[in-house]
Amino acid sequence: MEKKNSMEMARLAITALEDKKAEDIRVIDISEVSVLADYFIIAGGGSKSQIQALCDNVEEVLGRSGYTQKQTEGYNTANWILMDFGDVIIHIFDRENRLFYDLERIWRDGKTVDIDELRA
């Protein structure tokens, strides 16, 4: 998939996360440092039910737009849900696990993307 499509997918995912009041959404462009994906989106939720609702909404919005989800991990425990859409990987954390795993630090070689710029 070309990067333009992954950018659109990231935009849709961010909107879906914002619709369900996700906390502290971050986007990291990892296309220069990894073959895993173009973007990592990291977001938080305050409770198990909110984290699952965030996941459900992203799945629904991206699915309706024709994007195929490869895999979801961690839905039942909902302390870290990983959603793999190929060129966009979405991580939805509870507060404790987000601090513990600190993906922003691990992927600091990637480029932090300003969400407002992504929308433009």
PDB file of N, CA and C in Angstrom:
ATOM      1  N   MET A   1       0.847  -1.182   0.000  1.00  0.00           N
ATOM      2  CA  MET A   1       0.000   0.000   0.000  1.00  0.00           C
ATOM      3  C   MET A   1       0.891   1.244   0.000  1.00  0.00           C
ATOM      4  N   GLU A   2       0.518   2.214  -0.792  1.00  0.00           N
ATOM      5  CA  GLU A   2       1.344   3.413  -0.817  1.00  0.00           C
ATOM      6  C   GLU A   2       1.065   4.289   0.398  1.00  0.00           C
ATOM      7  N   LYS A   3       2.029   5.159   0.677  1.00  0.00           N
ATOM      8  CA  LYS A   3       1.964   5.953   1.901  1.00  0.00           C
ATOM      9  C   LYS A   3       0.733   6.867   1.955  1.00  0.00           C
ATOM     10  N   LYS A   4       0.270   7.330   0.803  1.00  0.00           N
ATOM     11  CA  LYS A   4      -0.918   8.187   0.788  1.00  0.00           C
ATOM     12  C   LYS A   4      -2.111   7.443   1.391  1.00  0.00           C
ATOM     13  N   ASN A   5      -2.275   6.174   1.037  1.00  0.00           N
ATOM     14  CA  ASN A   5      -3.356   5.372   1.599  1.00  0.00           C
ATOM     15  C   ASN A   5      -3.183   5.170   3.092  1.00  0.00           C
ATOM     16  N   SER A   6      -1.949   4.936   3.522  1.00  0.00           N
ATOM     17  CA  SER A   6      -1.726   4.732   4.953  1.00  0.00           C
ATOM     18  C   SER A   6      -1.969   6.024   5.723  1.00  0.00           C
ATOM     19  N   MET A   7      -1.704   7.162   5.104  1.00  0.00           N
ATOM     20  CA  MET A   7      -1.977   8.447   5.745  1.00  0.00           C
ATOM     21  C   MET A   7      -3.486   8.636   5.924  1.00  0.00           C
ATOM     22  N   GLU A   8      -4.250   8.281   4.901  1.00  0.00           N
ATOM     23  CA  GLU A   8      -5.706   8.371   4.990  1.00  0.00           C
ATOM     24  C   GLU A   8      -6.238   7.404   6.060  1.00  0.00           C
ATOM     25  N   MET A   9      -5.662   6.217   6.100  1.00  0.00           N
ATOM     26  CA  MET A   9      -6.066   5.243   7.113  1.00  0.00           C
ATOM     27  C   MET A   9      -5.761   5.782   8.512  1.00  0.00           C
ATOM     28  N   ALA A  10      -4.619   6.395   8.688  1.00  0.00           N
ATOM     29  CA  ALA A  10      -4.244   6.979   9.978  1.00  0.00           C
ATOM     30  C   ALA A  10      -5.220   8.087  10.360  1.00  0.00           C
ATOM     31  N   ARG A  11      -5.581   8.944   9.396  1.00  0.00           N
ATOM     32  CA  ARG A  11      -6.554  10.023   9.655  1.00  0.00           C
ATOM     33  C   ARG A  11      -7.879   9.455  10.151  1.00  0.00           C
ATOM     34  N   LEU A  12      -8.368   8.433   9.478  1.00  0.00           N
ATOM     35  CA  LEU A  12      -9.642   7.822   9.853  1.00  0.00           C
ATOM     36  C   LEU A  12      -9.563   7.202  11.251  1.00  0.00           C
ATOM     37  N   ALA A  13      -8.444   6.535  11.528  1.00  0.00           N
ATOM     38  CA  ALA A  13      -8.268   5.902  12.836  1.00  0.00           C
ATOM     39  C   ALA A  13      -8.249   6.951  13.946  1.00  0.00           C
ATOM     40  N   ILE A  14      -7.571   8.065  13.708  1.00  0.00           N
ATOM     41  CA  ILE A  14      -7.499   9.137  14.705  1.00  0.00           C
ATOM     42  C   ILE A  14      -8.896   9.700  14.967  1.00  0.00           C
ATOM     43  N   THR A  15      -9.655   9.924  13.908  1.00  0.00           N
ATOM     44  CA  THR A  15     -11.022  10.424  14.060  1.00  0.00           C
ATOM     45  C   THR A  15     -11.864   9.442  14.869  1.00  0.00           C
ATOM     46  N   ALA A  16     -11.730   8.159  14.574  1.00  0.00           N
ATOM     47  CA  ALA A  16     -12.486   7.129  15.298  1.00  0.00           C
ATOM     48  C   ALA A  16     -12.091   7.104  16.773  1.00  0.00           C
ATOM     49  N   LEU A  17     -10.805   7.281  17.057  1.00  0.00           N
ATOM     50  CA  LEU A  17     -10.330   7.318  18.450  1.00  0.00           C
ATOM     51  C   LEU A  17     -10.860   8.567  19.165  1.00  0.00           C
ATOM     52  N   GLU A  18     -10.797   9.706  18.481  1.00  0.00           N
ATOM     53  CA  GLU A  18     -11.281  10.955  19.078  1.00  0.00           C
ATOM     54  C   GLU A  18     -12.781  10.892  19.353  1.00  0.00           C
ATOM     55  N   ASP A  19     -13.526  10.237  18.472  1.00  0.00           N
ATOM     56  CA  ASP A  19     -14.979  10.112  18.650  1.00  0.00           C
ATOM     57  C   ASP A  19     -15.334   9.433  19.968  1.00  0.00           C
ATOM     58  N   LYS A  20     -14.464   8.544  20.428  1.00  0.00           N
ATOM     59  CA  LYS A  20     -14.711   7.817  21.678  1.00  0.00           C
ATOM     60  C   LYS A  20     -13.833   8.350  22.818  1.00  0.00           C
ATOM     61  N   LYS A  21     -13.323   9.571  22.643  1.00  0.00           N
ATOM     62  CA  LYS A  21     -12.591  10.287  23.701  1.00  0.00           C
ATOM     63  C   LYS A  21     -11.294   9.598  24.142  1.00  0.00           C
ATOM     64  N   ALA A  22     -10.522   9.106  23.180  1.00  0.00           N
ATOM     65  CA  ALA A  22      -9.216   8.515  23.495  1.00  0.00           C
ATOM     66  C   ALA A  22      -8.318   9.570  24.137  1.00  0.00           C
ATOM     67  N   GLU A  23      -7.433   9.125  25.018  1.00  0.00           N
ATOM     68  CA  GLU A  23      -6.517  10.022  25.712  1.00  0.00           C
ATOM     69  C   GLU A  23      -5.169  10.066  24.991  1.00  0.00           C
ATOM     70  N   ASP A  24      -4.603  11.247  24.887  1.00  0.00           N
ATOM     71  CA  ASP A  24      -3.222  11.447  24.453  1.00  0.00           C
ATOM     72  C   ASP A  24      -2.859  10.644  23.202  1.00  0.00           C
ATOM     73  N   ILE A  25      -3.517  10.943  22.095  1.00  0.00           N
ATOM     74  CA  ILE A  25      -3.241  10.231  20.843  1.00  0.00           C
ATOM     75  C   ILE A  25      -1.912  10.713  20.272  1.00  0.00           C
ATOM     76  N   ARG A  26      -1.051   9.772  19.944  1.00  0.00           N
ATOM     77  CA  ARG A  26       0.245  10.087  19.327  1.00  0.00           C
ATOM     78  C   ARG A  26       0.385   9.311  18.035  1.00  0.00           C
ATOM     79  N   VAL A  27       1.032   9.924  17.061  1.00  0.00           N
ATOM     80  CA  VAL A  27       1.292   9.257  15.795  1.00  0.00           C
ATOM     81  C   VAL A  27       2.794   9.311  15.536  1.00  0.00           C
ATOM     82  N   ILE A  28       3.354   8.154  15.215  1.00  0.00           N
ATOM     83  CA  ILE A  28       4.777   8.078  14.897  1.00  0.00           C
ATOM     84  C   ILE A  28       4.926   7.503  13.495  1.00  0.00           C
ATOM     85  N   ASP A  29       5.618   8.246  12.636  1.00  0.00           N
ATOM     86  CA  ASP A  29       5.925   7.766  11.286  1.00  0.00           C
ATOM     87  C   ASP A  29       7.175   6.898  11.415  1.00  0.00           C
ATOM     88  N   ILE A  30       7.003   5.585  11.225  1.00  0.00           N
ATOM     89  CA  ILE A  30       8.139   4.665  11.368  1.00  0.00           C
ATOM     90  C   ILE A  30       8.612   4.141  10.010  1.00  0.00           C
ATOM     91  N   SER A  31       8.099   4.736   8.929  1.00  0.00           N
ATOM     92  CA  SER A  31       8.396   4.226   7.586  1.00  0.00           C
ATOM     93  C   SER A  31       9.892   4.270   7.255  1.00  0.00           C
ATOM     94  N   GLU A  32      10.622   5.196   7.859  1.00  0.00           N
ATOM     95  CA  GLU A  32      12.055   5.314   7.578  1.00  0.00           C
ATOM     96  C   GLU A  32      12.898   4.360   8.425  1.00  0.00           C
ATOM     97  N   VAL A  33      12.323   3.852   9.527  1.00  0.00           N
ATOM     98  CA  VAL A  33      13.126   3.047  10.468  1.00  0.00           C
ATOM     99  C   VAL A  33      12.668   1.594  10.582  1.00  0.00           C
ATOM    100  N   SER A  34      11.571   1.246   9.918  1.00  0.00           N
ATOM    101  CA  SER A  34      11.058  -0.114  10.043  1.00  0.00           C
ATOM    102  C   SER A  34      10.245  -0.505   8.817  1.00  0.00           C
ATOM    103  N   VAL A  35      10.259  -1.801   8.523  1.00  0.00           N
ATOM    104  CA  VAL A  35       9.410  -2.308   7.441  1.00  0.00           C
ATOM    105  C   VAL A  35       8.065  -2.789   7.991  1.00  0.00           C
ATOM    106  N   LEU A  36       7.881  -2.697   9.306  1.00  0.00           N
ATOM    107  CA  LEU A  36       6.642  -3.160   9.933  1.00  0.00           C
ATOM    108  C   LEU A  36       5.420  -2.423   9.418  1.00  0.00           C
ATOM    109  N   ALA A  37       5.528  -1.105   9.322  1.00  0.00           N
ATOM    110  CA  ALA A  37       4.370  -0.273   8.980  1.00  0.00           C
ATOM    111  C   ALA A  37       4.862   1.123   8.630  1.00  0.00           C
ATOM    112  N   ASP A  38       3.936   1.967   8.167  1.00  0.00           N
ATOM    113  CA  ASP A  38       4.247   3.385   7.951  1.00  0.00           C
ATOM    114  C   ASP A  38       4.009   4.182   9.237  1.00  0.00           C
ATOM    115  N   TYR A  39       2.904   3.848   9.930  1.00  0.00           N
ATOM    116  CA  TYR A  39       2.540   4.618  11.119  1.00  0.00           C
ATOM    117  C   TYR A  39       2.197   3.722  12.298  1.00  0.00           C
ATOM    118  N   PHE A  40       2.620   4.171  13.460  1.00  0.00           N
ATOM    119  CA  PHE A  40       2.127   3.659  14.733  1.00  0.00           C
ATOM    120  C   PHE A  40       1.216   4.735  15.289  1.00  0.00           C
ATOM    121  N   ILE A  41       0.038   4.350  15.718  1.00  0.00           N
ATOM    122  CA  ILE A  41      -0.835   5.273  16.433  1.00  0.00           C
ATOM    123  C   ILE A  41      -0.955   4.722  17.844  1.00  0.00           C
ATOM    124  N   ILE A  42      -0.703   5.586  18.813  1.00  0.00           N
ATOM    125  CA  ILE A  42      -0.742   5.183  20.218  1.00  0.00           C
ATOM    126  C   ILE A  42      -1.793   6.044  20.910  1.00  0.00           C
ATOM    127  N   ALA A  43      -2.691   5.378  21.635  1.00  0.00           N
ATOM    128  CA  ALA A  43      -3.754   6.104  22.330  1.00  0.00           C
ATOM    129  C   ALA A  43      -4.040   5.423  23.653  1.00  0.00           C
ATOM    130  N   GLY A  44      -4.722   6.140  24.521  1.00  0.00           N
ATOM    131  CA  GLY A  44      -5.042   5.589  25.829  1.00  0.00           C
ATOM    132  C   GLY A  44      -6.524   5.640  26.115  1.00  0.00           C
ATOM    133  N   GLY A  45      -6.914   4.781  27.059  1.00  0.00           N
ATOM    134  CA  GLY A  45      -8.284   4.778  27.537  1.00  0.00           C
ATOM    135  C   GLY A  45      -8.287   4.650  29.047  1.00  0.00           C
ATOM    136  N   GLY A  46      -9.362   5.092  29.663  1.00  0.00           N
ATOM    137  CA  GLY A  46      -9.424   5.125  31.123  1.00  0.00           C
ATOM    138  C   GLY A  46      -9.969   3.869  31.766  1.00  0.00           C
ATOM    139  N   SER A  47     -10.597   3.000  30.968  1.00  0.00           N
ATOM    140  CA  SER A  47     -11.177   1.782  31.537  1.00  0.00           C
ATOM    141  C   SER A  47     -11.193   0.696  30.471  1.00  0.00           C
ATOM    142  N   LYS A  48     -11.385  -0.528  30.922  1.00  0.00           N
ATOM    143  CA  LYS A  48     -11.454  -1.657  29.995  1.00  0.00           C
ATOM    144  C   LYS A  48     -12.554  -1.439  28.956  1.00  0.00           C
ATOM    145  N   SER A  49     -13.735  -0.995  29.414  1.00  0.00           N
ATOM    146  CA  SER A  49     -14.844  -0.818  28.470  1.00  0.00           C
ATOM    147  C   SER A  49     -14.559   0.311  27.472  1.00  0.00           C
ATOM    148  N   GLN A  50     -13.900   1.380  27.916  1.00  0.00           N
ATOM    149  CA  GLN A  50     -13.562   2.450  26.973  1.00  0.00           C
ATOM    150  C   GLN A  50     -12.528   1.964  25.960  1.00  0.00           C
ATOM    151  N   ILE A  51     -11.531   1.225  26.422  1.00  0.00           N
ATOM    152  CA  ILE A  51     -10.480   0.728  25.526  1.00  0.00           C
ATOM    153  C   ILE A  51     -11.093  -0.191  24.468  1.00  0.00           C
ATOM    154  N   GLN A  52     -12.022  -1.045  24.879  1.00  0.00           N
ATOM    155  CA  GLN A  52     -12.691  -1.922  23.916  1.00  0.00           C
ATOM    156  C   GLN A  52     -13.567  -1.111  22.964  1.00  0.00           C
ATOM    157  N   ALA A  53     -14.228  -0.073  23.468  1.00  0.00           N
ATOM    158  CA  ALA A  53     -15.055   0.785  22.611  1.00  0.00           C
ATOM    159  C   ALA A  53     -14.190   1.523  21.585  1.00  0.00           C
ATOM    160  N   LEU A  54     -13.003   1.965  21.997  1.00  0.00           N
ATOM    161  CA  LEU A  54     -12.073   2.609  21.067  1.00  0.00           C
ATOM    162  C   LEU A  54     -11.708   1.641  19.949  1.00  0.00           C
ATOM    163  N   CYS A  55     -11.377   0.414  20.330  1.00  0.00           N
ATOM    164  CA  CYS A  55     -11.016  -0.627  19.365  1.00  0.00           C
ATOM    165  C   CYS A  55     -12.180  -0.901  18.413  1.00  0.00           C
ATOM    166  N   ASP A  56     -13.366  -1.079  18.970  1.00  0.00           N
ATOM    167  CA  ASP A  56     -14.551  -1.377  18.151  1.00  0.00           C
ATOM    168  C   ASP A  56     -14.816  -0.260  17.141  1.00  0.00           C
ATOM    169  N   ASN A  57     -14.666   0.988  17.588  1.00  0.00           N
ATOM    170  CA  ASN A  57     -14.954   2.110  16.703  1.00  0.00           C
ATOM    171  C   ASN A  57     -13.933   2.211  15.580  1.00  0.00           C
ATOM    172  N   VAL A  58     -12.661   2.001  15.889  1.00  0.00           N
ATOM    173  CA  VAL A  58     -11.621   2.028  14.850  1.00  0.00           C
ATOM    174  C   VAL A  58     -11.903   0.925  13.828  1.00  0.00           C
ATOM    175  N   GLU A  59     -12.214  -0.255  14.328  1.00  0.00           N
ATOM    176  CA  GLU A  59     -12.514  -1.395  13.460  1.00  0.00           C
ATOM    177  C   GLU A  59     -13.687  -1.073  12.523  1.00  0.00           C
ATOM    178  N   GLU A  60     -14.727  -0.482  13.075  1.00  0.00           N
ATOM    179  CA  GLU A  60     -15.919  -0.163  12.294  1.00  0.00           C
ATOM    180  C   GLU A  60     -15.639   0.918  11.251  1.00  0.00           C
ATOM    181  N   VAL A  61     -14.996   2.006  11.665  1.00  0.00           N
ATOM    182  CA  VAL A  61     -14.728   3.126  10.754  1.00  0.00           C
ATOM    183  C   VAL A  61     -13.790   2.700   9.624  1.00  0.00           C
ATOM    184  N   LEU A  62     -12.705   2.008   9.955  1.00  0.00           N
ATOM    185  CA  LEU A  62     -11.766   1.586   8.911  1.00  0.00           C
ATOM    186  C   LEU A  62     -12.385   0.507   8.024  1.00  0.00           C
ATOM    187  N   GLY A  63     -13.141  -0.397   8.631  1.00  0.00           N
ATOM    188  CA  GLY A  63     -13.803  -1.448   7.856  1.00  0.00           C
ATOM    189  C   GLY A  63     -14.783  -0.874   6.841  1.00  0.00           C
ATOM    190  N   ARG A  64     -15.583   0.103   7.282  1.00  0.00           N
ATOM    191  CA  ARG A  64     -16.543   0.758   6.371  1.00  0.00           C
ATOM    192  C   ARG A  64     -15.832   1.468   5.225  1.00  0.00           C
ATOM    193  N   SER A  65     -14.588   1.889   5.472  1.00  0.00           N
ATOM    194  CA  SER A  65     -13.831   2.589   4.427  1.00  0.00           C
ATOM    195  C   SER A  65     -13.041   1.625   3.550  1.00  0.00           C
ATOM    196  N   GLY A  66     -13.206   0.327   3.791  1.00  0.00           N
ATOM    197  CA  GLY A  66     -12.589  -0.671   2.921  1.00  0.00           C
ATOM    198  C   GLY A  66     -11.207  -1.141   3.346  1.00  0.00           C
ATOM    199  N   TYR A  67     -10.779  -0.777   4.538  1.00  0.00           N
ATOM    200  CA  TYR A  67      -9.464  -1.224   5.003  1.00  0.00           C
ATOM    201  C   TYR A  67      -9.608  -2.543   5.755  1.00  0.00           C
ATOM    202  N   THR A  68      -8.739  -3.484   5.435  1.00  0.00           N
ATOM    203  CA  THR A  68      -8.801  -4.817   6.022  1.00  0.00           C
ATOM    204  C   THR A  68      -7.896  -4.911   7.233  1.00  0.00           C
ATOM    205  N   GLN A  69      -8.464  -5.405   8.294  1.00  0.00           N
ATOM    206  CA  GLN A  69      -7.693  -5.606   9.519  1.00  0.00           C
ATOM    207  C   GLN A  69      -7.047  -6.979   9.464  1.00  0.00           C
ATOM    208  N   LYS A  70      -5.741  -7.025   9.675  1.00  0.00           N
ATOM    209  CA  LYS A  70      -5.022  -8.295   9.653  1.00  0.00           C
ATOM    210  C   LYS A  70      -5.197  -9.049  10.969  1.00  0.00           C
ATOM    211  N   GLN A  71      -5.150  -8.309  12.074  1.00  0.00           N
ATOM    212  CA  GLN A  71      -5.129  -8.976  13.370  1.00  0.00           C
ATOM    213  C   GLN A  71      -5.433  -7.998  14.493  1.00  0.00           C
ATOM    214  N   THR A  72      -6.032  -8.520  15.558  1.00  0.00           N
ATOM    215  CA  THR A  72      -6.196  -7.771  16.799  1.00  0.00           C
ATOM    216  C   THR A  72      -5.716  -8.656  17.930  1.00  0.00           C
ATOM    217  N   GLU A  73      -4.931  -8.088  18.818  1.00  0.00           N
ATOM    218  CA  GLU A  73      -4.430  -8.819  19.989  1.00  0.00           C
ATOM    219  C   GLU A  73      -4.833  -8.062  21.241  1.00  0.00           C
ATOM    220  N   GLY A  74      -5.178  -8.786  22.294  1.00  0.00           N
ATOM    221  CA  GLY A  74      -5.384  -8.183  23.600  1.00  0.00           C
ATOM    222  C   GLY A  74      -6.758  -7.618  23.877  1.00  0.00           C
ATOM    223  N   TYR A  75      -7.736  -7.914  23.034  1.00  0.00           N
ATOM    224  CA  TYR A  75      -9.066  -7.321  23.209  1.00  0.00           C
ATOM    225  C   TYR A  75      -9.713  -7.725  24.543  1.00  0.00           C
ATOM    226  N   ASN A  76      -9.609  -8.981  24.899  1.00  0.00           N
ATOM    227  CA  ASN A  76     -10.300  -9.462  26.101  1.00  0.00           C
ATOM    228  C   ASN A  76      -9.755  -8.862  27.390  1.00  0.00           C
ATOM    229  N   THR A  77      -8.427  -8.756  27.483  1.00  0.00           N
ATOM    230  CA  THR A  77      -7.845  -8.158  28.697  1.00  0.00           C
ATOM    231  C   THR A  77      -7.921  -6.635  28.648  1.00  0.00           C
ATOM    232  N   ALA A  78      -7.817  -6.072  27.444  1.00  0.00           N
ATOM    233  CA  ALA A  78      -7.966  -4.636  27.191  1.00  0.00           C
ATOM    234  C   ALA A  78      -7.025  -3.764  28.012  1.00  0.00           C
ATOM    235  N   ASN A  79      -5.825  -4.281  28.342  1.00  0.00           N
ATOM    236  CA  ASN A  79      -4.829  -3.384  28.938  1.00  0.00           C
ATOM    237  C   ASN A  79      -3.862  -2.875  27.864  1.00  0.00           C
ATOM    238  N   TRP A  80      -3.764  -3.619  26.759  1.00  0.00           N
ATOM    239  CA  TRP A  80      -3.025  -3.179  25.580  1.00  0.00           C
ATOM    240  C   TRP A  80      -3.635  -3.901  24.393  1.00  0.00           C
ATOM    241  N   ILE A  81      -4.370  -3.185  23.588  1.00  0.00           N
ATOM    242  CA  ILE A  81      -4.919  -3.774  22.365  1.00  0.00           C
ATOM    243  C   ILE A  81      -4.055  -3.321  21.199  1.00  0.00           C
ATOM    244  N   LEU A  82      -3.620  -4.284  20.411  1.00  0.00           N
ATOM    245  CA  LEU A  82      -2.846  -3.996  19.214  1.00  0.00           C
ATOM    246  C   LEU A  82      -3.720  -4.329  18.014  1.00  0.00           C
ATOM    247  N   MET A  83      -3.905  -3.352  17.157  1.00  0.00           N
ATOM    248  CA  MET A  83      -4.704  -3.539  15.945  1.00  0.00           C
ATOM    249  C   MET A  83      -3.783  -3.371  14.735  1.00  0.00           C
ATOM    250  N   ASP A  84      -3.667  -4.422  13.939  1.00  0.00           N
ATOM    251  CA  ASP A  84      -2.764  -4.402  12.795  1.00  0.00           C
ATOM    252  C   ASP A  84      -3.572  -4.242  11.510  1.00  0.00           C
ATOM    253  N   PHE A  85      -3.409  -3.093  10.881  1.00  0.00           N
ATOM    254  CA  PHE A  85      -4.041  -2.832   9.587  1.00  0.00           C
ATOM    255  C   PHE A  85      -2.989  -2.793   8.482  1.00  0.00           C
ATOM    256  N   GLY A  86      -1.877  -3.473   8.692  1.00  0.00           N
ATOM    257  CA  GLY A  86      -0.823  -3.494   7.679  1.00  0.00           C
ATOM    258  C   GLY A  86       0.082  -2.289   7.807  1.00  0.00           C
ATOM    259  N   ASP A  87      -0.189  -1.244   7.042  1.00  0.00           N
ATOM    260  CA  ASP A  87       0.666  -0.054   7.055  1.00  0.00           C
ATOM    261  C   ASP A  87       0.408   0.869   8.240  1.00  0.00           C
ATOM    262  N   VAL A  88      -0.657   0.602   8.972  1.00  0.00           N
ATOM    263  CA  VAL A  88      -0.962   1.364  10.182  1.00  0.00           C
ATOM    264  C   VAL A  88      -1.208   0.372  11.312  1.00  0.00           C
ATOM    265  N   ILE A  89      -0.472   0.546  12.392  1.00  0.00           N
ATOM    266  CA  ILE A  89      -0.642  -0.299  13.569  1.00  0.00           C
ATOM    267  C   ILE A  89      -1.091   0.595  14.720  1.00  0.00           C
ATOM    268  N   ILE A  90      -2.194   0.203  15.339  1.00  0.00           N
ATOM    269  CA  ILE A  90      -2.801   1.016  16.386  1.00  0.00           C
ATOM    270  C   ILE A  90      -2.640   0.308  17.722  1.00  0.00           C
ATOM    271  N   HIS A  91      -2.124   1.043  18.695  1.00  0.00           N
ATOM    272  CA  HIS A  91      -1.949   0.535  20.053  1.00  0.00           C
ATOM    273  C   HIS A  91      -2.868   1.331  20.964  1.00  0.00           C
ATOM    274  N   ILE A  92      -3.741   0.637  21.692  1.00  0.00           N
ATOM    275  CA  ILE A  92      -4.622   1.304  22.644  1.00  0.00           C
ATOM    276  C   ILE A  92      -4.315   0.738  24.026  1.00  0.00           C
ATOM    277  N   PHE A  93      -3.852   1.605  24.914  1.00  0.00           N
ATOM    278  CA  PHE A  93      -3.365   1.193  26.229  1.00  0.00           C
ATOM    279  C   PHE A  93      -4.240   1.692  27.360  1.00  0.00           C
ATOM    280  N   ASP A  94      -4.196   0.973  28.488  1.00  0.00           N
ATOM    281  CA  ASP A  94      -4.633   1.582  29.734  1.00  0.00           C
ATOM    282  C   ASP A  94      -3.456   2.416  30.235  1.00  0.00           C
ATOM    283  N   ARG A  95      -3.692   3.242  31.229  1.00  0.00           N
ATOM    284  CA  ARG A  95      -2.650   4.189  31.661  1.00  0.00           C
ATOM    285  C   ARG A  95      -1.392   3.482  32.172  1.00  0.00           C
ATOM    286  N   GLU A  96      -1.574   2.454  32.974  1.00  0.00           N
ATOM    287  CA  GLU A  96      -0.436   1.755  33.585  1.00  0.00           C
ATOM    288  C   GLU A  96       0.466   1.108  32.530  1.00  0.00           C
ATOM    289  N   ASN A  97      -0.122   0.391  31.581  1.00  0.00           N
ATOM    290  CA  ASN A  97       0.666  -0.290  30.571  1.00  0.00           C
ATOM    291  C   ASN A  97       1.298   0.662  29.574  1.00  0.00           C
ATOM    292  N   ARG A  98       0.633   1.782  29.320  1.00  0.00           N
ATOM    293  CA  ARG A  98       1.233   2.764  28.420  1.00  0.00           C
ATOM    294  C   ARG A  98       2.526   3.308  29.019  1.00  0.00           C
ATOM    295  N   LEU A  99       2.493   3.613  30.294  1.00  0.00           N
ATOM    296  CA  LEU A  99       3.702   4.087  30.967  1.00  0.00           C
ATOM    297  C   LEU A  99       4.771   3.001  30.993  1.00  0.00           C
ATOM    298  N   PHE A 100       4.349   1.778  31.282  1.00  0.00           N
ATOM    299  CA  PHE A 100       5.296   0.675  31.411  1.00  0.00           C
ATOM    300  C   PHE A 100       6.002   0.367  30.089  1.00  0.00           C
ATOM    301  N   TYR A 101       5.244   0.244  29.014  1.00  0.00           N
ATOM    302  CA  TYR A 101       5.842  -0.141  27.725  1.00  0.00           C
ATOM    303  C   TYR A 101       6.462   1.031  26.979  1.00  0.00           C
ATOM    304  N   ASP A 102       5.972   2.241  27.183  1.00  0.00           N
ATOM    305  CA  ASP A 102       6.567   3.477  26.658  1.00  0.00           C
ATOM    306  C   ASP A 102       7.015   3.360  25.194  1.00  0.00           C
ATOM    307  N   LEU A 103       6.076   3.030  24.333  1.00  0.00           N
ATOM    308  CA  LEU A 103       6.400   2.867  22.909  1.00  0.00           C
ATOM    309  C   LEU A 103       6.970   4.129  22.281  1.00  0.00           C
ATOM    310  N   GLU A 104       6.536   5.287  22.791  1.00  0.00           N
ATOM    311  CA  GLU A 104       7.073   6.540  22.237  1.00  0.00           C
ATOM    312  C   GLU A 104       8.590   6.592  22.400  1.00  0.00           C
ATOM    313  N   ARG A 105       9.092   6.084  23.526  1.00  0.00           N
ATOM    314  CA  ARG A 105      10.536   6.068  23.748  1.00  0.00           C
ATOM    315  C   ARG A 105      11.202   5.004  22.880  1.00  0.00           C
ATOM    316  N   ILE A 106      10.610   3.824  22.836  1.00  0.00           N
ATOM    317  CA  ILE A 106      11.193   2.724  22.061  1.00  0.00           C
ATOM    318  C   ILE A 106      11.295   3.099  20.578  1.00  0.00           C
ATOM    319  N   TRP A 107      10.304   3.809  20.064  1.00  0.00           N
ATOM    320  CA  TRP A 107      10.258   4.179  18.646  1.00  0.00           C
ATOM    321  C   TRP A 107      10.664   5.629  18.411  1.00  0.00           C
ATOM    322  N   ARG A 108      11.516   6.151  19.274  1.00  0.00           N
ATOM    323  CA  ARG A 108      11.903   7.568  19.147  1.00  0.00           C
ATOM    324  C   ARG A 108      12.701   7.859  17.876  1.00  0.00           C
ATOM    325  N   ASP A 109      13.223   6.816  17.216  1.00  0.00           N
ATOM    326  CA  ASP A 109      13.902   7.030  15.932  1.00  0.00           C
ATOM    327  C   ASP A 109      12.909   7.356  14.818  1.00  0.00           C
ATOM    328  N   GLY A 110      11.658   7.044  15.058  1.00  0.00           N
ATOM    329  CA  GLY A 110      10.612   7.424  14.106  1.00  0.00           C
ATOM    330  C   GLY A 110      10.330   8.908  14.236  1.00  0.00           C
ATOM    331  N   LYS A 111       9.540   9.424  13.318  1.00  0.00           N
ATOM    332  CA  LYS A 111       9.230  10.854  13.314  1.00  0.00           C
ATOM    333  C   LYS A 111       7.854  11.069  13.929  1.00  0.00           C
ATOM    334  N   THR A 112       7.799  11.881  14.985  1.00  0.00           N
ATOM    335  CA  THR A 112       6.514  12.213  15.586  1.00  0.00           C
ATOM    336  C   THR A 112       5.726  13.076  14.605  1.00  0.00           C
ATOM    337  N   VAL A 113       4.485  12.691  14.376  1.00  0.00           N
ATOM    338  CA  VAL A 113       3.651  13.392  13.412  1.00  0.00           C
ATOM    339  C   VAL A 113       2.650  14.246  14.176  1.00  0.00           C
ATOM    340  N   ASP A 114       2.551  15.507  13.764  1.00  0.00           N
ATOM    341  CA  ASP A 114       1.548  16.403  14.340  1.00  0.00           C
ATOM    342  C   ASP A 114       0.192  15.997  13.754  1.00  0.00           C
ATOM    343  N   ILE A 115      -0.747  15.658  14.629  1.00  0.00           N
ATOM    344  CA  ILE A 115      -2.057  15.172  14.174  1.00  0.00           C
ATOM    345  C   ILE A 115      -2.749  16.212  13.300  1.00  0.00           C
ATOM    346  N   ASP A 116      -2.617  17.489  13.625  1.00  0.00           N
ATOM    347  CA  ASP A 116      -3.245  18.532  12.819  1.00  0.00           C
ATOM    348  C   ASP A 116      -2.640  18.605  11.417  1.00  0.00           C
ATOM    349  N   GLU A 117      -1.322  18.352  11.308  1.00  0.00           N
ATOM    350  CA  GLU A 117      -0.676  18.339  10.004  1.00  0.00           C
ATOM    351  C   GLU A 117      -1.156  17.148   9.187  1.00  0.00           C
ATOM    352  N   LEU A 118      -1.364  16.029   9.855  1.00  0.00           N
ATOM    353  CA  LEU A 118      -1.840  14.817   9.175  1.00  0.00           C
ATOM    354  C   LEU A 118      -3.221  15.074   8.565  1.00  0.00           C
ATOM    355  N   ARG A 119      -4.016  15.856   9.247  1.00  0.00           N
ATOM    356  CA  ARG A 119      -5.370  16.157   8.757  1.00  0.00           C
ATOM    357  C   ARG A 119      -5.350  17.100   7.558  1.00  0.00           C
ATOM    358  N   ALA A 120      -4.319  17.914   7.463  1.00  0.00           N
ATOM    359  CA  ALA A 120      -4.280  18.958   6.422  1.00  0.00           C
ATOM    360  C   ALA A 120      -4.134  18.377   5.022  1.00  0.00           C
TER     361      ALA A 120
END
